[in-house]
Amino acid sequence: MPAREKFDYDLKTLQQKLLELGSLTETALNHSIQAFQHKNIELALQIIDNDSQIDTLEEEINDFAILLIAKQQPVAIDLRRIVIAIKIATDIERIADFAVDIAKAAIRMGDRPFALEMEKIMQMHRIALEMVSIGLKAYYEEDVVLARKIAEMDDEVDELYGQIMRELLRLNATNQENALQINQFSLIARYIERIADHATNLGEHVVYLVKGKHYDLNG
């Protein structure tokens, strides 16, 4: 196989590994909120157990990317593709960690009935999950328009986060018997807000990949 053809094949392999990492993380995110919503401890434990697979794949991606740089000494756009793959893998792995954190919160909540409304938390989670999906699609298609859309969605998540935290502060002042739930809800809201921040990073990485310049999409 000619050198350029082999390099293109390796770049495609790197991309496919990254998309696999993204798919596993999306599944973990989806399952984590289900575990919390339905008080499914078994599903929560499964998310925690499966996180090692995501960690291992992220390490494989980093090792493979570094090997490509060492062997091929790429320049310009090819180098950006490899470096961005490493950055995206890091953000996706962090998102998976937050899915684990949500699963742990579900376990701490146990089977107690919810004394709080789930609607805004669920809405916030849906938007954050969509942001991750769009970020991965933007990466695969090298689509700057899609990448910039993520920043608009992050504003929605931030607004919901503010609303949720204000509600929880009011509840905390008048509803001490549900302090554990209030604490776990506030943690989960924070985890989702951080997931959205990392999804926004995906968009910024894609813009850099295509444009060759750094842009702060939340600026």
N, C-alpha and C. Protein backbone atom coordinates (compact mmCIF):
# COMPACT_ATOMS: atom_id res chain seq x y z
N MET A 1 0.84 -1.19 0.00
CA MET A 1 0.00 0.00 0.00
C MET A 1 0.88 1.25 0.00
N PRO A 2 0.65 2.20 -0.94
CA PRO A 2 1.44 3.43 -0.97
C PRO A 2 1.33 4.18 0.35
N ALA A 3 2.39 4.98 0.65
CA ALA A 3 2.47 5.64 1.95
C ALA A 3 1.26 6.54 2.22
N ARG A 4 0.85 7.35 1.23
CA ARG A 4 -0.27 8.26 1.44
C ARG A 4 -1.57 7.48 1.66
N GLU A 5 -1.75 6.44 0.89
CA GLU A 5 -2.95 5.62 1.03
C GLU A 5 -3.01 4.96 2.41
N LYS A 6 -1.85 4.51 2.90
CA LYS A 6 -1.79 3.90 4.22
C LYS A 6 -2.09 4.95 5.30
N PHE A 7 -1.57 6.15 5.12
CA PHE A 7 -1.81 7.22 6.08
C PHE A 7 -3.29 7.58 6.13
N ASP A 8 -3.92 7.69 4.96
CA ASP A 8 -5.35 8.00 4.91
C ASP A 8 -6.16 6.90 5.59
N TYR A 9 -5.74 5.67 5.39
CA TYR A 9 -6.41 4.52 6.04
C TYR A 9 -6.28 4.63 7.56
N ASP A 10 -5.09 5.00 8.03
CA ASP A 10 -4.87 5.14 9.47
C ASP A 10 -5.69 6.29 10.05
N LEU A 11 -5.79 7.40 9.30
CA LEU A 11 -6.60 8.52 9.75
C LEU A 11 -8.07 8.11 9.87
N LYS A 12 -8.53 7.33 8.91
CA LYS A 12 -9.91 6.84 8.94
C LYS A 12 -10.11 5.91 10.14
N THR A 13 -9.13 5.08 10.42
CA THR A 13 -9.21 4.19 11.58
C THR A 13 -9.29 4.99 12.87
N LEU A 14 -8.49 6.04 12.95
CA LEU A 14 -8.52 6.92 14.12
C LEU A 14 -9.90 7.54 14.29
N GLN A 15 -10.45 8.00 13.19
CA GLN A 15 -11.79 8.61 13.22
C GLN A 15 -12.85 7.61 13.68
N GLN A 16 -12.76 6.38 13.17
CA GLN A 16 -13.75 5.36 13.54
C GLN A 16 -13.64 4.99 15.02
N LYS A 17 -12.42 4.95 15.53
CA LYS A 17 -12.25 4.67 16.97
C LYS A 17 -12.88 5.79 17.80
N LEU A 18 -12.72 7.01 17.34
CA LEU A 18 -13.28 8.15 18.06
C LEU A 18 -14.80 8.12 18.03
N LEU A 19 -15.37 7.77 16.90
CA LEU A 19 -16.82 7.67 16.80
C LEU A 19 -17.37 6.52 17.65
N GLU A 20 -16.59 5.45 17.76
CA GLU A 20 -16.99 4.35 18.65
C GLU A 20 -16.99 4.82 20.10
N LEU A 21 -15.96 5.58 20.47
CA LEU A 21 -15.90 6.15 21.81
C LEU A 21 -17.12 7.03 22.07
N GLY A 22 -17.47 7.82 21.07
CA GLY A 22 -18.63 8.69 21.20
C GLY A 22 -19.92 7.92 21.36
N SER A 23 -20.06 6.84 20.60
CA SER A 23 -21.27 6.01 20.68
C SER A 23 -21.42 5.37 22.07
N LEU A 24 -20.32 4.85 22.60
CA LEU A 24 -20.35 4.25 23.94
C LEU A 24 -20.72 5.30 24.99
N THR A 25 -20.21 6.51 24.82
CA THR A 25 -20.49 7.58 25.77
C THR A 25 -21.94 8.03 25.68
N GLU A 26 -22.46 8.14 24.47
CA GLU A 26 -23.88 8.50 24.31
C GLU A 26 -24.78 7.47 24.99
N THR A 27 -24.43 6.21 24.85
CA THR A 27 -25.21 5.15 25.50
C THR A 27 -25.14 5.30 27.01
N ALA A 28 -23.95 5.55 27.53
CA ALA A 28 -23.78 5.73 28.98
C ALA A 28 -24.60 6.92 29.48
N LEU A 29 -24.59 8.01 28.72
CA LEU A 29 -25.36 9.19 29.10
C LEU A 29 -26.85 8.90 29.13
N ASN A 30 -27.32 8.23 28.09
CA ASN A 30 -28.74 7.90 27.99
C ASN A 30 -29.16 6.98 29.14
N HIS A 31 -28.34 5.98 29.42
CA HIS A 31 -28.66 5.03 30.48
C HIS A 31 -28.58 5.68 31.87
N SER A 32 -27.68 6.64 32.03
CA SER A 32 -27.50 7.23 33.36
C SER A 32 -28.75 7.97 33.81
N ILE A 33 -29.36 8.74 32.91
CA ILE A 33 -30.56 9.47 33.31
C ILE A 33 -31.74 8.52 33.47
N GLN A 34 -31.76 7.44 32.70
CA GLN A 34 -32.79 6.42 32.88
C GLN A 34 -32.66 5.77 34.25
N ALA A 35 -31.42 5.48 34.64
CA ALA A 35 -31.18 4.86 35.95
C ALA A 35 -31.67 5.78 37.06
N PHE A 36 -31.41 7.07 36.90
CA PHE A 36 -31.85 8.02 37.91
C PHE A 36 -33.37 8.16 37.91
N GLN A 37 -33.94 8.35 36.73
CA GLN A 37 -35.38 8.60 36.62
C GLN A 37 -36.20 7.41 37.13
N HIS A 38 -35.74 6.19 36.83
CA HIS A 38 -36.50 4.99 37.17
C HIS A 38 -35.95 4.27 38.40
N LYS A 39 -34.98 4.91 39.08
CA LYS A 39 -34.40 4.33 40.30
C LYS A 39 -33.88 2.91 40.04
N ASN A 40 -33.19 2.78 38.89
CA ASN A 40 -32.71 1.47 38.44
C ASN A 40 -31.25 1.29 38.87
N ILE A 41 -31.07 0.70 40.03
CA ILE A 41 -29.72 0.55 40.59
C ILE A 41 -28.87 -0.40 39.75
N GLU A 42 -29.49 -1.43 39.23
CA GLU A 42 -28.75 -2.39 38.40
C GLU A 42 -28.18 -1.71 37.16
N LEU A 43 -28.97 -0.87 36.52
CA LEU A 43 -28.50 -0.15 35.34
C LEU A 43 -27.39 0.84 35.72
N ALA A 44 -27.54 1.48 36.86
CA ALA A 44 -26.51 2.41 37.33
C ALA A 44 -25.18 1.70 37.54
N LEU A 45 -25.23 0.52 38.15
CA LEU A 45 -24.01 -0.26 38.38
C LEU A 45 -23.38 -0.70 37.06
N GLN A 46 -24.22 -1.00 36.08
CA GLN A 46 -23.72 -1.41 34.76
C GLN A 46 -22.96 -0.26 34.10
N ILE A 47 -23.47 0.96 34.23
CA ILE A 47 -22.80 2.13 33.67
C ILE A 47 -21.41 2.30 34.29
N ILE A 48 -21.35 2.13 35.60
CA ILE A 48 -20.07 2.26 36.30
C ILE A 48 -19.09 1.19 35.84
N ASP A 49 -19.57 -0.05 35.72
CA ASP A 49 -18.71 -1.15 35.27
C ASP A 49 -18.21 -0.94 33.85
N ASN A 50 -19.07 -0.40 32.97
CA ASN A 50 -18.72 -0.24 31.55
C ASN A 50 -17.76 0.93 31.30
N ASP A 51 -17.56 1.76 32.31
CA ASP A 51 -16.71 2.94 32.11
C ASP A 51 -15.27 2.55 31.81
N SER A 52 -14.82 1.41 32.30
CA SER A 52 -13.44 0.97 32.04
C SER A 52 -13.22 0.74 30.55
N GLN A 53 -14.27 0.28 29.85
CA GLN A 53 -14.17 0.08 28.39
C GLN A 53 -13.95 1.41 27.69
N ILE A 54 -14.63 2.44 28.14
CA ILE A 54 -14.46 3.77 27.56
C ILE A 54 -13.07 4.31 27.85
N ASP A 55 -12.61 4.14 29.08
CA ASP A 55 -11.26 4.60 29.44
C ASP A 55 -10.18 3.92 28.59
N THR A 56 -10.35 2.60 28.39
CA THR A 56 -9.37 1.84 27.60
C THR A 56 -9.35 2.30 26.15
N LEU A 57 -10.53 2.56 25.60
CA LEU A 57 -10.60 3.01 24.21
C LEU A 57 -9.99 4.39 24.05
N GLU A 58 -10.20 5.26 25.03
CA GLU A 58 -9.57 6.59 24.95
C GLU A 58 -8.05 6.46 24.95
N GLU A 59 -7.52 5.57 25.76
CA GLU A 59 -6.07 5.34 25.79
C GLU A 59 -5.58 4.81 24.44
N GLU A 60 -6.34 3.89 23.85
CA GLU A 60 -5.98 3.36 22.53
C GLU A 60 -5.93 4.47 21.49
N ILE A 61 -6.91 5.37 21.53
CA ILE A 61 -6.96 6.48 20.57
C ILE A 61 -5.74 7.38 20.75
N ASN A 62 -5.41 7.71 21.98
CA ASN A 62 -4.24 8.56 22.23
C ASN A 62 -2.96 7.89 21.76
N ASP A 63 -2.80 6.61 22.08
CA ASP A 63 -1.59 5.88 21.66
C ASP A 63 -1.49 5.81 20.14
N PHE A 64 -2.63 5.54 19.51
CA PHE A 64 -2.65 5.42 18.04
C PHE A 64 -2.32 6.76 17.40
N ALA A 65 -2.88 7.83 17.95
CA ALA A 65 -2.63 9.17 17.40
C ALA A 65 -1.16 9.55 17.55
N ILE A 66 -0.59 9.30 18.71
CA ILE A 66 0.82 9.63 18.95
C ILE A 66 1.73 8.83 18.02
N LEU A 67 1.38 7.57 17.80
CA LEU A 67 2.15 6.73 16.89
C LEU A 67 2.10 7.27 15.47
N LEU A 68 0.93 7.75 15.06
CA LEU A 68 0.79 8.34 13.72
C LEU A 68 1.68 9.56 13.56
N ILE A 69 1.70 10.40 14.59
CA ILE A 69 2.54 11.60 14.53
C ILE A 69 4.02 11.21 14.44
N ALA A 70 4.42 10.23 15.23
CA ALA A 70 5.82 9.81 15.26
C ALA A 70 6.25 9.17 13.93
N LYS A 71 5.36 8.34 13.35
CA LYS A 71 5.71 7.60 12.13
C LYS A 71 5.60 8.46 10.88
N GLN A 72 4.56 9.30 10.82
CA GLN A 72 4.26 10.00 9.57
C GLN A 72 4.74 11.45 9.55
N GLN A 73 4.98 12.02 10.75
CA GLN A 73 5.37 13.42 10.85
C GLN A 73 4.50 14.32 9.97
N PRO A 74 3.19 14.27 10.18
CA PRO A 74 2.26 15.02 9.32
C PRO A 74 2.35 16.52 9.56
N VAL A 75 1.90 17.29 8.59
CA VAL A 75 1.89 18.74 8.71
C VAL A 75 0.48 19.26 8.37
N ALA A 76 0.24 20.53 8.69
CA ALA A 76 -0.98 21.25 8.32
C ALA A 76 -2.24 20.50 8.74
N ILE A 77 -3.16 20.31 7.80
CA ILE A 77 -4.47 19.77 8.11
C ILE A 77 -4.38 18.36 8.67
N ASP A 78 -3.46 17.55 8.19
CA ASP A 78 -3.33 16.17 8.70
C ASP A 78 -2.92 16.17 10.17
N LEU A 79 -2.00 17.06 10.52
CA LEU A 79 -1.58 17.15 11.92
C LEU A 79 -2.74 17.63 12.78
N ARG A 80 -3.51 18.61 12.27
CA ARG A 80 -4.67 19.10 13.02
C ARG A 80 -5.68 17.97 13.25
N ARG A 81 -5.89 17.14 12.25
CA ARG A 81 -6.84 16.03 12.41
C ARG A 81 -6.43 15.09 13.54
N ILE A 82 -5.14 14.84 13.63
CA ILE A 82 -4.66 13.92 14.68
C ILE A 82 -4.73 14.58 16.06
N VAL A 83 -4.27 15.82 16.14
CA VAL A 83 -4.28 16.53 17.43
C VAL A 83 -5.71 16.73 17.92
N ILE A 84 -6.62 17.07 17.01
CA ILE A 84 -8.02 17.28 17.39
C ILE A 84 -8.65 15.96 17.85
N ALA A 85 -8.27 14.86 17.24
CA ALA A 85 -8.78 13.56 17.67
C ALA A 85 -8.43 13.31 19.14
N ILE A 86 -7.21 13.65 19.53
CA ILE A 86 -6.79 13.48 20.93
C ILE A 86 -7.62 14.37 21.84
N LYS A 87 -7.82 15.64 21.43
CA LYS A 87 -8.59 16.57 22.25
C LYS A 87 -10.04 16.13 22.39
N ILE A 88 -10.63 15.68 21.28
CA ILE A 88 -12.03 15.24 21.32
C ILE A 88 -12.17 13.99 22.18
N ALA A 89 -11.21 13.08 22.06
CA ALA A 89 -11.25 11.87 22.89
C ALA A 89 -11.24 12.23 24.38
N THR A 90 -10.44 13.22 24.74
CA THR A 90 -10.37 13.65 26.14
C THR A 90 -11.71 14.20 26.61
N ASP A 91 -12.34 15.05 25.78
CA ASP A 91 -13.63 15.61 26.17
C ASP A 91 -14.72 14.54 26.26
N ILE A 92 -14.70 13.61 25.33
CA ILE A 92 -15.71 12.55 25.35
C ILE A 92 -15.54 11.67 26.59
N GLU A 93 -14.30 11.37 26.93
CA GLU A 93 -14.06 10.56 28.12
C GLU A 93 -14.53 11.28 29.38
N ARG A 94 -14.36 12.59 29.43
CA ARG A 94 -14.84 13.36 30.57
C ARG A 94 -16.38 13.34 30.62
N ILE A 95 -17.00 13.41 29.48
CA ILE A 95 -18.46 13.32 29.43
C ILE A 95 -18.92 11.97 29.98
N ALA A 96 -18.22 10.91 29.61
CA ALA A 96 -18.54 9.57 30.13
C ALA A 96 -18.37 9.52 31.64
N ASP A 97 -17.37 10.22 32.17
CA ASP A 97 -17.17 10.28 33.62
C ASP A 97 -18.38 10.92 34.30
N PHE A 98 -18.96 11.94 33.67
CA PHE A 98 -20.14 12.57 34.26
C PHE A 98 -21.35 11.65 34.20
N ALA A 99 -21.42 10.80 33.18
CA ALA A 99 -22.49 9.79 33.14
C ALA A 99 -22.35 8.85 34.33
N VAL A 100 -21.13 8.49 34.66
CA VAL A 100 -20.87 7.66 35.84
C VAL A 100 -21.28 8.40 37.11
N ASP A 101 -20.99 9.70 37.17
CA ASP A 101 -21.37 10.49 38.35
C ASP A 101 -22.89 10.51 38.52
N ILE A 102 -23.62 10.62 37.41
CA ILE A 102 -25.09 10.60 37.48
C ILE A 102 -25.56 9.23 37.97
N ALA A 103 -24.92 8.18 37.48
CA ALA A 103 -25.27 6.83 37.92
C ALA A 103 -25.04 6.67 39.42
N LYS A 104 -23.96 7.21 39.92
CA LYS A 104 -23.67 7.14 41.36
C LYS A 104 -24.72 7.92 42.17
N ALA A 105 -25.16 9.04 41.61
CA ALA A 105 -26.21 9.81 42.28
C ALA A 105 -27.50 9.01 42.34
N ALA A 106 -27.79 8.25 41.27
CA ALA A 106 -28.98 7.40 41.25
C ALA A 106 -28.90 6.35 42.36
N ILE A 107 -27.72 5.81 42.58
CA ILE A 107 -27.54 4.80 43.64
C ILE A 107 -27.74 5.45 45.01
N ARG A 108 -27.20 6.65 45.19
CA ARG A 108 -27.35 7.34 46.48
C ARG A 108 -28.81 7.67 46.78
N MET A 109 -29.57 7.94 45.72
CA MET A 109 -30.99 8.26 45.90
C MET A 109 -31.79 7.04 46.31
N GLY A 110 -31.35 5.84 45.87
CA GLY A 110 -32.07 4.62 46.21
C GLY A 110 -33.47 4.62 45.62
N ASP A 111 -34.42 4.04 46.35
CA ASP A 111 -35.78 3.91 45.82
C ASP A 111 -36.75 4.90 46.46
N ARG A 112 -36.23 5.97 47.04
CA ARG A 112 -37.10 6.97 47.64
C ARG A 112 -37.96 7.64 46.57
N PRO A 113 -39.22 7.90 46.88
CA PRO A 113 -40.07 8.64 45.91
C PRO A 113 -39.51 10.04 45.70
N PHE A 114 -39.64 10.54 44.49
CA PHE A 114 -39.15 11.89 44.19
C PHE A 114 -40.07 12.93 44.81
N ALA A 115 -39.49 13.84 45.53
CA ALA A 115 -40.25 14.96 46.09
C ALA A 115 -40.11 16.20 45.20
N LEU A 116 -39.34 16.07 44.12
CA LEU A 116 -39.05 17.19 43.23
C LEU A 116 -39.47 16.85 41.81
N GLU A 117 -39.74 17.89 41.03
CA GLU A 117 -40.11 17.70 39.62
C GLU A 117 -38.89 17.31 38.80
N MET A 118 -39.08 16.37 37.87
CA MET A 118 -37.99 15.88 37.02
C MET A 118 -37.92 16.59 35.67
N GLU A 119 -38.98 17.35 35.34
CA GLU A 119 -39.13 17.84 33.96
C GLU A 119 -37.93 18.65 33.47
N LYS A 120 -37.48 19.61 34.27
CA LYS A 120 -36.40 20.48 33.79
C LYS A 120 -35.06 19.74 33.74
N ILE A 121 -34.83 18.85 34.69
CA ILE A 121 -33.61 18.03 34.66
C ILE A 121 -33.60 17.19 33.39
N MET A 122 -34.74 16.59 33.06
CA MET A 122 -34.84 15.74 31.86
C MET A 122 -34.63 16.57 30.60
N GLN A 123 -35.21 17.76 30.57
CA GLN A 123 -35.06 18.64 29.41
C GLN A 123 -33.59 19.04 29.23
N MET A 124 -32.98 19.39 30.34
CA MET A 124 -31.57 19.77 30.33
C MET A 124 -30.71 18.62 29.80
N HIS A 125 -30.99 17.42 30.26
CA HIS A 125 -30.24 16.24 29.84
C HIS A 125 -30.44 15.97 28.35
N ARG A 126 -31.68 16.09 27.87
CA ARG A 126 -31.96 15.85 26.44
C ARG A 126 -31.16 16.79 25.56
N ILE A 127 -31.11 18.05 25.94
CA ILE A 127 -30.36 19.03 25.15
C ILE A 127 -28.87 18.70 25.17
N ALA A 128 -28.34 18.39 26.35
CA ALA A 128 -26.91 18.07 26.46
C ALA A 128 -26.55 16.84 25.64
N LEU A 129 -27.41 15.82 25.68
CA LEU A 129 -27.16 14.61 24.89
C LEU A 129 -27.18 14.92 23.40
N GLU A 130 -28.13 15.77 22.98
CA GLU A 130 -28.19 16.16 21.57
C GLU A 130 -26.94 16.95 21.18
N MET A 131 -26.44 17.77 22.09
CA MET A 131 -25.22 18.53 21.81
C MET A 131 -24.05 17.59 21.55
N VAL A 132 -23.94 16.53 22.33
CA VAL A 132 -22.87 15.55 22.13
C VAL A 132 -23.02 14.89 20.77
N SER A 133 -24.25 14.50 20.43
CA SER A 133 -24.51 13.85 19.13
C SER A 133 -24.16 14.77 17.97
N ILE A 134 -24.55 16.04 18.08
CA ILE A 134 -24.25 17.01 17.03
C ILE A 134 -22.75 17.25 16.94
N GLY A 135 -22.09 17.29 18.09
CA GLY A 135 -20.64 17.48 18.08
C GLY A 135 -19.92 16.36 17.35
N LEU A 136 -20.36 15.13 17.57
CA LEU A 136 -19.76 13.99 16.88
C LEU A 136 -20.05 14.02 15.38
N LYS A 137 -21.27 14.42 15.03
CA LYS A 137 -21.65 14.52 13.61
C LYS A 137 -20.83 15.63 12.94
N ALA A 138 -20.70 16.76 13.64
CA ALA A 138 -19.91 17.87 13.09
C ALA A 138 -18.47 17.45 12.87
N TYR A 139 -17.93 16.67 13.81
CA TYR A 139 -16.57 16.16 13.66
C TYR A 139 -16.46 15.25 12.44
N TYR A 140 -17.37 14.31 12.32
CA TYR A 140 -17.32 13.34 11.21
C TYR A 140 -17.43 14.05 9.86
N GLU A 141 -18.31 15.05 9.79
CA GLU A 141 -18.57 15.74 8.52
C GLU A 141 -17.72 17.01 8.36
N GLU A 142 -16.94 17.34 9.40
CA GLU A 142 -16.15 18.58 9.41
C GLU A 142 -17.04 19.77 9.06
N ASP A 143 -18.16 19.87 9.79
CA ASP A 143 -19.22 20.84 9.50
C ASP A 143 -19.19 21.96 10.55
N VAL A 144 -18.75 23.14 10.14
CA VAL A 144 -18.63 24.27 11.04
C VAL A 144 -19.99 24.81 11.46
N VAL A 145 -20.96 24.77 10.56
CA VAL A 145 -22.30 25.27 10.89
C VAL A 145 -22.91 24.45 12.03
N LEU A 146 -22.78 23.14 11.93
CA LEU A 146 -23.26 22.26 13.01
C LEU A 146 -22.51 22.54 14.30
N ALA A 147 -21.20 22.72 14.19
CA ALA A 147 -20.37 22.96 15.38
C ALA A 147 -20.83 24.22 16.11
N ARG A 148 -21.16 25.26 15.35
CA ARG A 148 -21.59 26.52 15.97
C ARG A 148 -22.98 26.42 16.58
N LYS A 149 -23.78 25.51 16.08
CA LYS A 149 -25.12 25.31 16.64
C LYS A 149 -25.05 24.86 18.10
N ILE A 150 -23.98 24.15 18.44
CA ILE A 150 -23.84 23.62 19.80
C ILE A 150 -23.79 24.76 20.82
N ALA A 151 -23.16 25.86 20.47
CA ALA A 151 -23.04 26.98 21.40
C ALA A 151 -24.41 27.56 21.74
N GLU A 152 -25.29 27.63 20.75
CA GLU A 152 -26.65 28.13 21.00
C GLU A 152 -27.38 27.20 21.97
N MET A 153 -27.19 25.90 21.80
CA MET A 153 -27.84 24.93 22.68
C MET A 153 -27.27 25.01 24.10
N ASP A 154 -25.99 25.34 24.20
CA ASP A 154 -25.37 25.47 25.52
C ASP A 154 -26.02 26.60 26.31
N ASP A 155 -26.44 27.65 25.63
CA ASP A 155 -27.14 28.75 26.30
C ASP A 155 -28.45 28.25 26.93
N GLU A 156 -29.14 27.35 26.21
CA GLU A 156 -30.38 26.77 26.75
C GLU A 156 -30.10 25.96 28.01
N VAL A 157 -29.03 25.18 27.97
CA VAL A 157 -28.66 24.37 29.14
C VAL A 157 -28.33 25.28 30.32
N ASP A 158 -27.57 26.33 30.07
CA ASP A 158 -27.20 27.25 31.14
C ASP A 158 -28.43 27.91 31.76
N GLU A 159 -29.38 28.27 30.92
CA GLU A 159 -30.61 28.89 31.42
C GLU A 159 -31.40 27.92 32.30
N LEU A 160 -31.54 26.68 31.84
CA LEU A 160 -32.23 25.67 32.63
C LEU A 160 -31.50 25.39 33.93
N TYR A 161 -30.18 25.35 33.86
CA TYR A 161 -29.38 25.12 35.06
C TYR A 161 -29.64 26.20 36.11
N GLY A 162 -29.68 27.44 35.66
CA GLY A 162 -29.96 28.55 36.58
C GLY A 162 -31.35 28.41 37.20
N GLN A 163 -32.34 28.06 36.39
CA GLN A 163 -33.70 27.89 36.90
C GLN A 163 -33.76 26.77 37.94
N ILE A 164 -33.12 25.66 37.63
CA ILE A 164 -33.13 24.51 38.55
C ILE A 164 -32.46 24.86 39.87
N MET A 165 -31.32 25.52 39.82
CA MET A 165 -30.61 25.85 41.04
C MET A 165 -31.40 26.84 41.90
N ARG A 166 -32.07 27.78 41.26
CA ARG A 166 -32.89 28.72 42.04
C ARG A 166 -34.05 27.99 42.73
N GLU A 167 -34.66 27.04 42.01
CA GLU A 167 -35.74 26.27 42.60
C GLU A 167 -35.24 25.43 43.77
N LEU A 168 -34.07 24.82 43.60
CA LEU A 168 -33.51 23.98 44.66
C LEU A 168 -33.14 24.80 45.90
N LEU A 169 -32.65 26.00 45.69
CA LEU A 169 -32.34 26.87 46.83
C LEU A 169 -33.60 27.23 47.61
N ARG A 170 -34.69 27.50 46.89
CA ARG A 170 -35.96 27.80 47.56
C ARG A 170 -36.45 26.58 48.33
N LEU A 171 -36.37 25.41 47.70
CA LEU A 171 -36.81 24.19 48.36
C LEU A 171 -35.97 23.88 49.60
N ASN A 172 -34.69 24.12 49.49
CA ASN A 172 -33.79 23.81 50.60
C ASN A 172 -34.13 24.63 51.85
N ALA A 173 -34.67 25.82 51.62
CA ALA A 173 -35.01 26.69 52.75
C ALA A 173 -36.29 26.25 53.46
N THR A 174 -37.15 25.48 52.76
CA THR A 174 -38.46 25.14 53.32
C THR A 174 -38.72 23.65 53.41
N ASN A 175 -37.76 22.83 52.97
CA ASN A 175 -38.04 21.40 52.81
C ASN A 175 -36.85 20.58 53.28
N GLN A 176 -36.47 20.77 54.54
CA GLN A 176 -35.26 20.14 55.06
C GLN A 176 -35.32 18.61 55.05
N GLU A 177 -36.53 18.05 55.13
CA GLU A 177 -36.63 16.59 55.17
C GLU A 177 -36.20 15.93 53.85
N ASN A 178 -36.14 16.74 52.79
CA ASN A 178 -35.70 16.21 51.49
C ASN A 178 -34.32 16.74 51.10
N ALA A 179 -33.51 17.01 52.11
CA ALA A 179 -32.19 17.59 51.85
C ALA A 179 -31.32 16.70 50.97
N LEU A 180 -31.40 15.36 51.18
CA LEU A 180 -30.60 14.44 50.37
C LEU A 180 -30.98 14.54 48.90
N GLN A 181 -32.28 14.54 48.62
CA GLN A 181 -32.72 14.65 47.23
C GLN A 181 -32.31 15.99 46.63
N ILE A 182 -32.47 17.05 47.37
CA ILE A 182 -32.12 18.38 46.86
C ILE A 182 -30.63 18.41 46.51
N ASN A 183 -29.81 17.83 47.36
CA ASN A 183 -28.37 17.77 47.10
C ASN A 183 -28.05 16.97 45.84
N GLN A 184 -28.70 15.81 45.68
CA GLN A 184 -28.43 14.98 44.52
C GLN A 184 -28.92 15.63 43.23
N PHE A 185 -30.07 16.28 43.30
CA PHE A 185 -30.57 17.00 42.13
C PHE A 185 -29.62 18.11 41.73
N SER A 186 -29.08 18.82 42.71
CA SER A 186 -28.16 19.91 42.39
C SER A 186 -26.87 19.36 41.77
N LEU A 187 -26.41 18.22 42.27
CA LEU A 187 -25.21 17.60 41.69
C LEU A 187 -25.47 17.17 40.25
N ILE A 188 -26.61 16.54 40.01
CA ILE A 188 -26.91 16.05 38.66
C ILE A 188 -27.04 17.23 37.69
N ALA A 189 -27.70 18.30 38.13
CA ALA A 189 -27.80 19.48 37.28
C ALA A 189 -26.41 20.01 36.92
N ARG A 190 -25.52 20.02 37.91
CA ARG A 190 -24.14 20.47 37.66
C ARG A 190 -23.43 19.54 36.70
N TYR A 191 -23.60 18.23 36.87
CA TYR A 191 -22.96 17.27 35.96
C TYR A 191 -23.42 17.51 34.52
N ILE A 192 -24.72 17.71 34.35
CA ILE A 192 -25.26 17.92 32.99
C ILE A 192 -24.74 19.23 32.41
N GLU A 193 -24.66 20.25 33.24
CA GLU A 193 -24.12 21.53 32.77
C GLU A 193 -22.67 21.37 32.30
N ARG A 194 -21.89 20.55 33.00
CA ARG A 194 -20.51 20.30 32.60
C ARG A 194 -20.45 19.44 31.33
N ILE A 195 -21.37 18.51 31.19
CA ILE A 195 -21.44 17.72 29.95
C ILE A 195 -21.64 18.66 28.76
N ALA A 196 -22.54 19.62 28.92
CA ALA A 196 -22.79 20.58 27.84
C ALA A 196 -21.54 21.42 27.54
N ASP A 197 -20.79 21.78 28.58
CA ASP A 197 -19.54 22.53 28.36
C ASP A 197 -18.55 21.71 27.53
N HIS A 198 -18.42 20.43 27.84
CA HIS A 198 -17.51 19.58 27.07
C HIS A 198 -18.02 19.36 25.65
N ALA A 199 -19.33 19.30 25.49
CA ALA A 199 -19.90 19.20 24.14
C ALA A 199 -19.59 20.45 23.34
N THR A 200 -19.63 21.60 24.00
CA THR A 200 -19.26 22.86 23.33
C THR A 200 -17.79 22.83 22.91
N ASN A 201 -16.95 22.22 23.74
CA ASN A 201 -15.55 22.04 23.36
C ASN A 201 -15.43 21.26 22.05
N LEU A 202 -16.28 20.24 21.89
CA LEU A 202 -16.26 19.46 20.63
C LEU A 202 -16.48 20.39 19.45
N GLY A 203 -17.46 21.29 19.58
CA GLY A 203 -17.72 22.24 18.51
C GLY A 203 -16.53 23.13 18.23
N GLU A 204 -15.87 23.61 19.28
CA GLU A 204 -14.70 24.47 19.11
C GLU A 204 -13.56 23.71 18.44
N HIS A 205 -13.40 22.43 18.79
CA HIS A 205 -12.36 21.61 18.15
C HIS A 205 -12.62 21.46 16.66
N VAL A 206 -13.89 21.28 16.30
CA VAL A 206 -14.24 21.12 14.88
C VAL A 206 -13.95 22.40 14.11
N VAL A 207 -14.31 23.54 14.70
CA VAL A 207 -14.04 24.83 14.03
C VAL A 207 -12.53 25.00 13.83
N TYR A 208 -11.75 24.65 14.84
CA TYR A 208 -10.29 24.74 14.70
C TYR A 208 -9.78 23.79 13.62
N LEU A 209 -10.34 22.59 13.58
CA LEU A 209 -9.93 21.61 12.58
C LEU A 209 -10.13 22.16 11.17
N VAL A 210 -11.28 22.78 10.93
CA VAL A 210 -11.62 23.24 9.59
C VAL A 210 -10.96 24.59 9.27
N LYS A 211 -10.99 25.50 10.24
CA LYS A 211 -10.53 26.87 9.98
C LYS A 211 -9.06 27.09 10.32
N GLY A 212 -8.50 26.25 11.19
CA GLY A 212 -7.12 26.42 11.60
C GLY A 212 -6.91 27.55 12.58
N LYS A 213 -8.02 28.04 13.19
CA LYS A 213 -7.95 29.08 14.20
C LYS A 213 -8.82 28.69 15.38
N HIS A 214 -8.43 29.16 16.58
CA HIS A 214 -9.20 28.88 17.78
C HIS A 214 -10.32 29.90 17.93
N TYR A 215 -11.52 29.41 18.18
CA TYR A 215 -12.68 30.27 18.43
C TYR A 215 -13.34 29.84 19.73
N ASP A 216 -13.71 30.82 20.54
CA ASP A 216 -14.48 30.56 21.74
C ASP A 216 -15.96 30.68 21.38
N LEU A 217 -16.64 29.55 21.26
CA LEU A 217 -18.03 29.57 20.82
C LEU A 217 -18.97 30.14 21.87
N ASN A 218 -18.49 30.26 23.10
CA ASN A 218 -19.32 30.86 24.15
C ASN A 218 -18.95 32.32 24.41
N GLY A 219 -18.05 32.80 23.60
CA GLY A 219 -17.59 34.17 23.80
C GLY A 219 -18.56 35.20 23.27
